[in-house]
Amino acid sequence: MISRLNNNNVKPNQSVRRICLLISLCLCFFSTSTLATSPNPPLTPIPFDAKYDVSLNGSNQLEGSRSLVKTGDNEFTLTYKAKHFLFKIKETSKFQWLNNTLTPIYYRSERSHLFGSSHKDLTFDWAKNIGRFYYKDKEGTFDLEPEAVDPLSTMFIISTKIQQGITDMVIKETEDNDIDDRHYTVDGTEMLNTPIGQIETIKATLHDKESATIWLAVDYNYLAVRVRHESKGGDVYELNLTDYNGPKIDRFVPIQARDRSSASAPKTLTP
């Protein structure tokens, strides 16, 4: 595997970092369910399990799994695990869901690979409006901002805004020991042929230092079906859904998202 990465002019440690970035993007996109039958119903977390393949320049790199479980009254835990002979990744987000509002409680990231291991923790102290972090062997605090979320629960906020017809948004997402603004736009709808069948998706783009495109399954509760990231050096990282165990709910597609569609023919998703 290392020689294959070198043939693509990508060093092993660079590959690990970039694949981790792609996985982090996908982690944000978790399953939700409707509460009512109105055109723009509120959303609520609902348990699920999903599996993905991650590839670099068309070559499969690892398999990952993601799950959402209810762990208490109004509390949920979202977990992602990925394993490769070069590295392991685990991400955990705990949050509260109350009065149709998501409030992050705790976030942890663990990574181990041939070059070492690391972890970071973040606790949200909303009573004092501060975030308590452990990052790069340092502990400290930073000021929280209203509506700040951790990296895993970002997409719940995005999917809620999409259901409200918003197609251009900025999400305040925690980044290590600070908060960064993440700019997303909705680019329309697109049909994908996947291992679990043909799925209508809403296509969204993250505008950051390196952009990414995400396809969200409308009837599979805004689950991420595909995530595609192209680095400045031209390497293409893609994450594809391979299996899903959870609800399938007929979902209203906001007219604002459909109006922005540029393609109507189904595209083939190759795992």
Protein backbone atom coordinates (compact mmCIF):
# COMPACT_ATOMS: atom_id res chain seq x y z
CA MET A 1 0.00 0.00 0.00
CA ILE A 2 2.84 2.43 0.75
CA SER A 3 4.39 1.89 -2.68
CA ARG A 4 1.02 2.53 -4.30
CA LEU A 5 0.69 5.80 -2.45
CA ASN A 6 4.18 6.83 -3.52
CA ASN A 7 3.30 6.09 -7.13
CA ASN A 8 0.62 8.71 -6.78
CA ASN A 9 3.22 11.17 -5.44
CA VAL A 10 1.55 11.12 -2.02
CA LYS A 11 3.61 10.41 1.08
CA PRO A 12 2.06 7.91 3.56
CA ASN A 13 1.66 10.47 6.33
CA GLN A 14 0.07 12.94 3.89
CA SER A 15 -2.36 10.23 2.81
CA VAL A 16 -3.33 9.54 6.43
CA ARG A 17 -3.98 13.22 7.13
CA ARG A 18 -6.04 13.74 3.97
CA ILE A 19 -8.11 10.59 4.42
CA CYS A 20 -8.76 11.70 8.02
CA LEU A 21 -9.99 15.05 6.64
CA LEU A 22 -12.39 13.30 4.28
CA ILE A 23 -13.68 11.06 7.07
CA SER A 24 -14.16 14.08 9.33
CA LEU A 25 -16.32 15.67 6.65
CA CYS A 26 -18.46 12.59 6.43
CA LEU A 27 -18.80 12.27 10.17
CA CYS A 28 -20.91 15.38 10.19
CA PHE A 29 -23.69 13.84 8.15
CA PHE A 30 -25.91 11.70 10.36
CA SER A 31 -29.44 10.36 10.18
CA THR A 32 -32.55 12.31 11.14
CA SER A 33 -36.31 11.72 11.08
CA THR A 34 -39.37 13.89 10.55
CA LEU A 35 -41.69 14.78 13.40
CA ALA A 36 -44.68 15.96 11.36
CA THR A 37 -46.13 16.00 7.85
CA SER A 38 -45.90 19.75 7.23
CA PRO A 39 -43.86 20.87 4.18
CA ASN A 40 -40.89 21.81 6.37
CA PRO A 41 -41.15 19.57 9.46
CA PRO A 42 -38.59 19.75 12.23
CA LEU A 43 -36.01 16.97 12.44
CA THR A 44 -35.06 14.66 15.28
CA PRO A 45 -32.18 12.15 15.67
CA ILE A 46 -33.02 8.51 14.98
CA PRO A 47 -30.69 5.50 15.50
CA PHE A 48 -28.92 3.99 12.46
CA ASP A 49 -25.82 2.10 11.28
CA ALA A 50 -23.96 2.80 8.04
CA LYS A 51 -20.84 1.46 6.34
CA TYR A 52 -18.52 3.18 3.86
CA ASP A 53 -15.51 2.62 1.60
CA VAL A 54 -12.87 5.33 1.32
CA SER A 55 -10.67 5.58 -1.79
CA LEU A 56 -7.65 7.61 -2.87
CA ASN A 57 -7.37 8.26 -6.61
CA GLY A 58 -9.68 5.29 -7.25
CA SER A 59 -7.84 2.87 -4.94
CA ASN A 60 -9.73 1.62 -1.86
CA GLN A 61 -7.97 2.64 1.36
CA LEU A 62 -10.22 1.58 4.25
CA GLU A 63 -13.68 0.64 5.44
CA GLY A 64 -15.55 2.62 8.07
CA SER A 65 -18.72 2.36 10.12
CA ARG A 66 -20.87 5.02 11.68
CA SER A 67 -23.72 4.67 14.18
CA LEU A 68 -26.12 6.81 16.15
CA VAL A 69 -27.63 5.46 19.39
CA LYS A 70 -29.86 6.89 22.08
CA THR A 71 -27.92 6.75 25.35
CA GLY A 72 -30.30 8.45 27.77
CA ASP A 73 -33.26 10.77 28.15
CA ASN A 74 -32.89 13.28 25.32
CA GLU A 75 -29.23 12.22 24.84
CA PHE A 76 -27.56 10.60 21.83
CA THR A 77 -24.10 9.35 20.91
CA LEU A 78 -22.71 9.39 17.39
CA THR A 79 -19.68 7.15 16.79
CA TYR A 80 -17.41 6.60 13.82
CA LYS A 81 -14.76 3.86 13.56
CA ALA A 82 -12.30 3.18 10.74
CA LYS A 83 -9.45 0.69 10.52
CA HIS A 84 -6.55 0.41 8.09
CA PHE A 85 -3.23 -1.38 8.45
CA LEU A 86 -1.63 2.08 8.55
CA PHE A 87 -3.96 3.67 11.11
CA LYS A 88 -7.12 3.55 13.23
CA ILE A 89 -9.66 6.30 13.82
CA LYS A 90 -12.47 6.73 16.32
CA GLU A 91 -14.67 9.80 16.71
CA THR A 92 -17.39 10.25 19.34
CA SER A 93 -19.95 13.00 19.81
CA LYS A 94 -22.45 13.19 22.64
CA PHE A 95 -25.28 15.69 22.43
CA GLN A 96 -28.64 16.57 23.91
CA TRP A 97 -31.81 16.88 21.87
CA LEU A 98 -34.44 18.98 23.65
CA ASN A 99 -37.20 21.27 22.37
CA ASN A 100 -36.17 20.58 18.75
CA THR A 101 -32.67 21.89 19.49
CA LEU A 102 -29.32 20.10 19.39
CA THR A 103 -26.88 21.01 22.17
CA PRO A 104 -23.40 19.41 22.03
CA ILE A 105 -22.09 17.99 25.30
CA TYR A 106 -18.82 16.22 24.59
CA TYR A 107 -16.55 15.39 21.64
CA ARG A 108 -13.53 13.07 21.42
CA SER A 109 -11.20 12.18 18.56
CA GLU A 110 -8.69 9.32 18.70
CA ARG A 111 -6.13 8.49 16.00
CA SER A 112 -3.27 6.00 15.95
CA HIS A 113 -0.95 5.20 13.04
CA LEU A 114 2.60 4.21 12.12
CA PHE A 115 3.84 7.67 13.03
CA GLY A 116 2.33 7.84 16.52
CA SER A 117 -1.02 8.43 18.17
CA SER A 118 -3.04 11.38 19.37
CA HIS A 119 -6.37 12.33 20.86
CA LYS A 120 -8.33 15.46 21.61
CA ASP A 121 -11.28 16.13 23.87
CA LEU A 122 -13.78 18.94 24.09
CA THR A 123 -16.40 19.48 26.79
CA PHE A 124 -19.12 22.09 26.28
CA ASP A 125 -19.83 24.01 29.48
CA TRP A 126 -22.91 25.97 28.44
CA ALA A 127 -23.59 27.19 31.98
CA LYS A 128 -20.37 29.24 31.77
CA ASN A 129 -20.31 29.49 27.94
CA ILE A 130 -16.81 28.04 27.68
CA GLY A 131 -15.32 25.06 25.89
CA ARG A 132 -12.82 22.97 27.84
CA PHE A 133 -10.29 21.32 25.52
CA TYR A 134 -7.39 18.91 25.56
CA TYR A 135 -5.33 19.19 22.37
CA LYS A 136 -1.66 18.48 21.58
CA ASP A 137 -0.91 17.75 25.24
CA LYS A 138 -2.36 21.10 26.28
CA GLU A 139 -5.46 21.91 28.31
CA GLY A 140 -7.39 25.14 28.26
CA THR A 141 -10.64 26.92 27.57
CA PHE A 142 -12.14 29.17 24.92
CA ASP A 143 -15.34 31.17 24.69
CA LEU A 144 -18.33 29.39 23.22
CA GLU A 145 -20.56 31.14 20.71
CA PRO A 146 -24.33 30.63 20.38
CA GLU A 147 -25.17 27.69 18.08
CA ALA A 148 -21.59 26.37 18.13
CA VAL A 149 -21.43 22.64 17.33
CA ASP A 150 -18.79 19.93 17.29
CA PRO A 151 -17.56 18.47 13.96
CA LEU A 152 -19.82 15.40 14.11
CA SER A 153 -23.10 17.16 14.76
CA THR A 154 -22.61 19.88 12.15
CA MET A 155 -24.77 18.22 9.52
CA PHE A 156 -27.84 18.05 11.70
CA ILE A 157 -27.85 21.85 11.69
CA ILE A 158 -27.22 21.92 7.93
CA SER A 159 -30.01 19.45 7.14
CA THR A 160 -32.42 21.48 9.27
CA LYS A 161 -31.54 24.62 7.32
CA ILE A 162 -31.93 22.78 4.00
CA GLN A 163 -35.43 21.69 5.04
CA GLN A 164 -36.17 25.35 5.74
CA GLY A 165 -35.18 26.20 2.17
CA ILE A 166 -31.83 27.81 3.04
CA THR A 167 -29.21 27.20 0.34
CA ASP A 168 -26.32 29.33 1.60
CA MET A 169 -25.25 29.02 5.22
CA VAL A 170 -22.40 29.47 7.70
CA ILE A 171 -22.06 26.98 10.56
CA LYS A 172 -20.00 27.73 13.67
CA GLU A 173 -17.98 24.55 14.18
CA THR A 174 -15.44 23.84 16.90
CA GLU A 175 -11.91 23.25 15.57
CA ASP A 176 -9.46 21.89 18.13
CA ASN A 177 -9.29 24.80 20.61
CA ASP A 178 -11.33 27.41 18.75
CA ILE A 179 -14.43 27.97 16.60
CA ASP A 180 -14.31 28.33 12.81
CA ASP A 181 -16.99 29.41 10.36
CA ARG A 182 -17.84 26.72 7.78
CA HIS A 183 -19.51 28.00 4.61
CA TYR A 184 -21.87 25.58 2.82
CA THR A 185 -23.99 26.01 -0.30
CA VAL A 186 -26.68 23.74 -1.76
CA ASP A 187 -26.08 22.89 -5.43
CA GLY A 188 -29.30 21.05 -6.28
CA THR A 189 -30.54 17.45 -6.37
CA GLU A 190 -29.03 14.41 -8.08
CA MET A 191 -29.97 10.74 -8.46
CA LEU A 192 -27.27 8.19 -7.55
CA ASN A 193 -27.21 4.45 -8.21
CA THR A 194 -25.77 2.90 -5.03
CA PRO A 195 -25.22 -0.60 -3.58
CA ILE A 196 -28.51 -0.20 -1.68
CA GLY A 197 -30.47 1.09 -4.69
CA GLN A 198 -31.18 4.30 -6.55
CA ILE A 199 -31.25 7.26 -4.18
CA GLU A 200 -32.27 10.88 -4.66
CA THR A 201 -29.72 13.16 -3.03
CA ILE A 202 -29.22 16.83 -2.26
CA LYS A 203 -25.79 17.97 -3.34
CA ALA A 204 -23.94 20.44 -1.08
CA THR A 205 -20.50 22.02 -1.14
CA LEU A 206 -18.18 22.99 1.70
CA HIS A 207 -16.12 26.08 0.84
CA ASP A 208 -12.98 25.87 2.96
CA LYS A 209 -9.21 25.81 2.46
CA GLU A 210 -9.85 22.73 0.34
CA SER A 211 -13.43 22.30 -0.85
CA ALA A 212 -15.54 19.15 -0.67
CA THR A 213 -18.81 17.99 -2.21
CA ILE A 214 -21.36 15.95 -0.26
CA TRP A 215 -24.40 14.03 -1.55
CA LEU A 216 -27.14 13.66 1.11
CA ALA A 217 -29.85 10.99 0.81
CA VAL A 218 -33.26 12.64 1.00
CA ASP A 219 -35.29 9.52 1.89
CA TYR A 220 -32.55 8.07 4.08
CA ASN A 221 -32.73 10.92 6.53
CA TYR A 222 -30.02 13.12 5.04
CA LEU A 223 -27.42 10.38 5.34
CA ALA A 224 -24.18 11.10 3.46
CA VAL A 225 -24.14 8.78 0.44
CA ARG A 226 -20.98 10.16 -1.13
CA VAL A 227 -18.28 12.64 -0.07
CA ARG A 228 -15.71 13.81 -2.61
CA HIS A 229 -12.63 15.88 -1.74
CA GLU A 230 -9.95 17.07 -4.15
CA SER A 231 -6.72 18.38 -2.65
CA LYS A 232 -4.78 21.33 -3.99
CA GLY A 233 -2.25 18.82 -5.34
CA GLY A 234 -4.94 17.12 -7.45
CA ASP A 235 -5.45 13.96 -5.38
CA VAL A 236 -9.07 12.82 -5.23
CA TYR A 237 -10.47 11.28 -2.05
CA GLU A 238 -13.94 9.76 -2.15
CA LEU A 239 -16.15 8.15 0.46
CA ASN A 240 -19.04 5.92 -0.71
CA LEU A 241 -21.91 4.33 1.19
CA THR A 242 -21.88 0.51 0.98
CA ASP A 243 -24.54 -0.52 3.50
CA TYR A 244 -27.23 1.08 5.65
CA ASN A 245 -29.37 -0.21 8.51
CA GLY A 246 -31.97 2.34 9.46
CA PRO A 247 -35.27 3.95 8.47
CA LYS A 248 -36.30 4.94 4.97
CA ILE A 249 -38.74 7.84 5.15
CA ASP A 250 -40.36 9.60 2.20
CA ARG A 251 -39.09 13.15 2.51
CA PHE A 252 -40.19 16.42 0.99
CA VAL A 253 -37.40 17.97 -1.10
CA PRO A 254 -37.34 21.76 -0.63
CA ILE A 255 -38.12 23.53 -3.88
CA GLN A 256 -35.08 25.78 -3.36
CA ALA A 257 -32.80 22.75 -3.53
CA ARG A 258 -34.55 21.21 -6.55
CA ASP A 259 -34.45 24.51 -8.43
CA ARG A 260 -30.67 24.49 -8.18
CA SER A 261 -30.37 21.06 -9.82
CA SER A 262 -28.13 20.89 -12.86
CA ALA A 263 -28.45 17.16 -13.63
CA SER A 264 -31.41 14.80 -13.81
CA ALA A 265 -29.93 11.52 -15.11
CA PRO A 266 -28.89 8.95 -12.50
CA LYS A 267 -25.16 8.73 -11.80
CA THR A 268 -23.48 5.45 -10.88
CA LEU A 269 -21.84 5.25 -7.48
CA THR A 270 -19.02 2.73 -7.55
CA PRO A 271 -18.07 1.48 -4.07
